C-alpha atoms as a PDB file:
ATOM      1  CA  MET A   1      23.904  62.778 -75.537  1.00  0.00           C
ATOM      2  CA  ARG A   2      26.773  62.569 -73.017  1.00  0.00           C
ATOM      3  CA  ILE A   3      28.623  60.155 -75.272  1.00  0.00           C
ATOM      4  CA  VAL A   4      28.346  62.488 -78.255  1.00  0.00           C
ATOM      5  CA  ARG A   5      29.508  65.453 -76.175  1.00  0.00           C
ATOM      6  CA  PHE A   6      32.452  63.453 -74.806  1.00  0.00           C
ATOM      7  CA  PHE A   7      33.412  62.330 -78.311  1.00  0.00           C
ATOM      8  CA  LEU A   8      33.274  65.879 -79.693  1.00  0.00           C
ATOM      9  CA  ARG A   9      35.418  67.226 -76.858  1.00  0.00           C
ATOM     10  CA  PHE A  10      37.903  64.398 -77.282  1.00  0.00           C
ATOM     11  CA  VAL A  11      38.187  65.107 -80.994  1.00  0.00           C
ATOM     12  CA  GLY A  12      38.470  68.823 -80.218  1.00  0.00           C
ATOM     13  CA  TRP A  13      41.430  68.209 -77.929  1.00  0.00           C
ATOM     14  CA  LEU A  14      43.123  66.280 -80.704  1.00  0.00           C
ATOM     15  CA  LEU A  15      42.584  69.000 -83.288  1.00  0.00           C
ATOM     16  CA  THR A  16      45.790  70.913 -82.546  1.00  0.00           C
ATOM     17  CA  PRO A  17      48.120  67.943 -83.124  1.00  0.00           C
ATOM     18  CA  LEU A  18      45.950  66.855 -86.060  1.00  0.00           C
ATOM     19  CA  VAL A  19      46.272  70.290 -87.677  1.00  0.00           C
ATOM     20  CA  ALA A  20      50.060  70.201 -87.203  1.00  0.00           C
ATOM     21  CA  TRP A  21      50.272  66.691 -88.635  1.00  0.00           C
ATOM     22  CA  ALA A  22      48.117  67.519 -91.660  1.00  0.00           C
ATOM     23  CA  ALA A  23      50.075  70.701 -92.353  1.00  0.00           C
ATOM     24  CA  SER A  24      53.400  68.865 -92.119  1.00  0.00           C
ATOM     25  CA  PHE A  25      52.103  66.169 -94.456  1.00  0.00           C
ATOM     26  CA  CYS A  26      51.044  68.783 -97.035  1.00  0.00           C
ATOM     27  CA  GLY A  27      54.395  70.577 -96.746  1.00  0.00           C
ATOM     28  CA  ALA A  28      56.359  67.361 -97.165  1.00  0.00           C
ATOM     29  CA  TRP A  29      54.186  66.417-100.129  1.00  0.00           C
ATOM     30  CA  LEU A  30      54.855  69.772-101.783  1.00  0.00           C
ATOM     31  CA  GLY A  31      58.550  69.357-101.045  1.00  0.00           C
ATOM     32  CA  ALA A  32      58.479  65.903-102.639  1.00  0.00           C
ATOM     33  CA  LEU A  33      57.125  67.452-105.827  1.00  0.00           C
ATOM     34  CA  PHE A  34      60.413  69.326-106.173  1.00  0.00           C
ATOM     35  CA  VAL A  35      62.631  66.277-105.547  1.00  0.00           C
ATOM     36  CA  PRO A  36      63.025  65.465-109.272  1.00  0.00           C
ATOM     37  CA  LEU A  37      64.388  68.980-109.807  1.00  0.00           C
ATOM     38  CA  ALA A  38      67.132  68.508-107.193  1.00  0.00           C
ATOM     39  CA  ASP A  39      70.615  67.457-108.291  1.00  0.00           C
ATOM     40  CA  GLN A  40      71.031  64.929-105.489  1.00  0.00           C
ATOM     41  CA  PRO A  41      68.486  62.826-103.598  1.00  0.00           C
ATOM     42  CA  THR A  42      69.760  64.158-100.271  1.00  0.00           C
ATOM     43  CA  THR A  43      68.915  67.703-101.314  1.00  0.00           C
ATOM     44  CA  GLY A  44      65.382  66.644-102.222  1.00  0.00           C
ATOM     45  CA  LEU A  45      64.950  64.832 -98.903  1.00  0.00           C
ATOM     46  CA  ILE A  46      66.161  67.854 -96.944  1.00  0.00           C
ATOM     47  CA  LEU A  47      63.784  70.078 -98.930  1.00  0.00           C
ATOM     48  CA  ALA A  48      60.813  67.805 -98.182  1.00  0.00           C
ATOM     49  CA  ILE A  49      61.665  67.684 -94.465  1.00  0.00           C
ATOM     50  CA  ALA A  50      62.196  71.442 -94.288  1.00  0.00           C
ATOM     51  CA  LEU A  51      58.907  72.244 -96.009  1.00  0.00           C
ATOM     52  CA  GLY A  52      57.113  69.754 -93.764  1.00  0.00           C
ATOM     53  CA  ALA A  53      58.521  71.447 -90.665  1.00  0.00           C
ATOM     54  CA  VAL A  54      57.719  74.952 -91.914  1.00  0.00           C
ATOM     55  CA  PHE A  55      54.141  73.991 -92.766  1.00  0.00           C
ATOM     56  CA  ALA A  56      53.679  72.238 -89.378  1.00  0.00           C
ATOM     57  CA  VAL A  57      54.856  75.272 -87.412  1.00  0.00           C
ATOM     58  CA  THR A  58      52.812  77.649 -89.563  1.00  0.00           C
ATOM     59  CA  GLY A  59      49.689  75.485 -89.334  1.00  0.00           C
ATOM     60  CA  THR A  60      49.977  75.213 -85.563  1.00  0.00           C
ATOM     61  CA  PHE A  61      50.553  78.961 -85.235  1.00  0.00           C
ATOM     62  CA  VAL A  62      47.471  79.748 -87.339  1.00  0.00           C
ATOM     63  CA  TRP A  63      45.331  77.226 -85.420  1.00  0.00           C
ATOM     64  CA  MET A  64      46.388  78.674 -82.057  1.00  0.00           C
ATOM     65  CA  ARG A  65      45.581  82.177 -83.321  1.00  0.00           C
ATOM     66  CA  ILE A  66      42.122  80.997 -84.348  1.00  0.00           C
ATOM     67  CA  LEU A  67      41.620  79.477 -80.881  1.00  0.00           C
ATOM     68  CA  ARG A  68      42.670  82.699 -79.170  1.00  0.00           C
ATOM     69  CA  LYS A  69      40.347  84.864 -81.256  1.00  0.00           C
ATOM     70  CA  SER A  70      37.236  82.658 -81.177  1.00  0.00           C
ATOM     71  CA  PRO A  71      35.536  82.287 -77.791  1.00  0.00           C
ATOM     72  CA  GLU A  72      32.775  80.248 -79.425  1.00  0.00           C
ATOM     73  CA  LEU A  73      35.253  77.676 -80.724  1.00  0.00           C
ATOM     74  CA  ARG A  74      36.967  77.484 -77.327  1.00  0.00           C
ATOM     75  CA  GLU A  75      33.598  76.924 -75.659  1.00  0.00           C
ATOM     76  CA  VAL A  76      32.599  74.177 -78.073  1.00  0.00           C
ATOM     77  CA  LEU A  77      35.948  72.403 -77.730  1.00  0.00           C
ATOM     78  CA  ALA A  78      36.090  73.114 -73.951  1.00  0.00           C
ATOM     79  CA  VAL A  79      39.644  74.432 -74.129  1.00  0.00           C
ATOM     80  CA  THR A  80      41.414  77.556 -72.913  1.00  0.00           C
ATOM     81  CA  ALA A  81      42.952  80.152 -75.227  1.00  0.00           C
ATOM     82  CA  GLU A  82      46.194  78.150 -75.050  1.00  0.00           C
ATOM     83  CA  GLY A  83      44.442  74.961 -76.192  1.00  0.00           C
ATOM     84  CA  ILE A  84      44.520  73.287 -72.766  1.00  0.00           C
ATOM     85  CA  PRO A  85      41.395  71.253 -71.982  1.00  0.00           C
ATOM     86  CA  VAL A  86      39.314  72.934 -69.283  1.00  0.00           C
ATOM     87  CA  VAL A  87      38.810  69.587 -67.552  1.00  0.00           C
ATOM     88  CA  ALA A  88      42.581  69.260 -67.058  1.00  0.00           C
ATOM     89  CA  ILE A  89      42.707  72.628 -65.301  1.00  0.00           C
ATOM     90  CA  GLU A  90      39.699  71.857 -63.113  1.00  0.00           C
ATOM     91  CA  ALA A  91      41.150  68.471 -62.132  1.00  0.00           C
ATOM     92  CA  GLU A  92      44.390  69.947 -60.745  1.00  0.00           C
ATOM     93  CA  PRO A  93      44.634  69.636 -56.970  1.00  0.00           C
ATOM     94  CA  ALA A  94      44.520  72.913 -55.093  1.00  0.00           C
ATOM     95  CA  GLU A  95      47.854  74.027 -53.652  1.00  0.00           C
ATOM     96  CA  GLU A  96      47.913  74.307 -49.915  1.00  0.00           C
ATOM     97  CA  ALA A  97      49.210  77.609 -48.574  1.00  0.00           C
END
């Protein structure tokens, strides 16, 4: 059971970059659909890169909003509202005053 829980938390920590990557891939793919309509290949490449970046930022923004609004999801993934793993916060050494 500990192995399954560890695996699920590990995958949960990777969800934010995975969401950004998947969104950027979809945006670049949609941009590539418009490449044949562009006059020059450079214009099509810039369009694909721009759409990939816009989709990545939007996907990450939406995912972080979902994390902030869902305490159940944060508990399951063992992350804070900012997406930081709880274990990383607990492992920080205490500052001496």
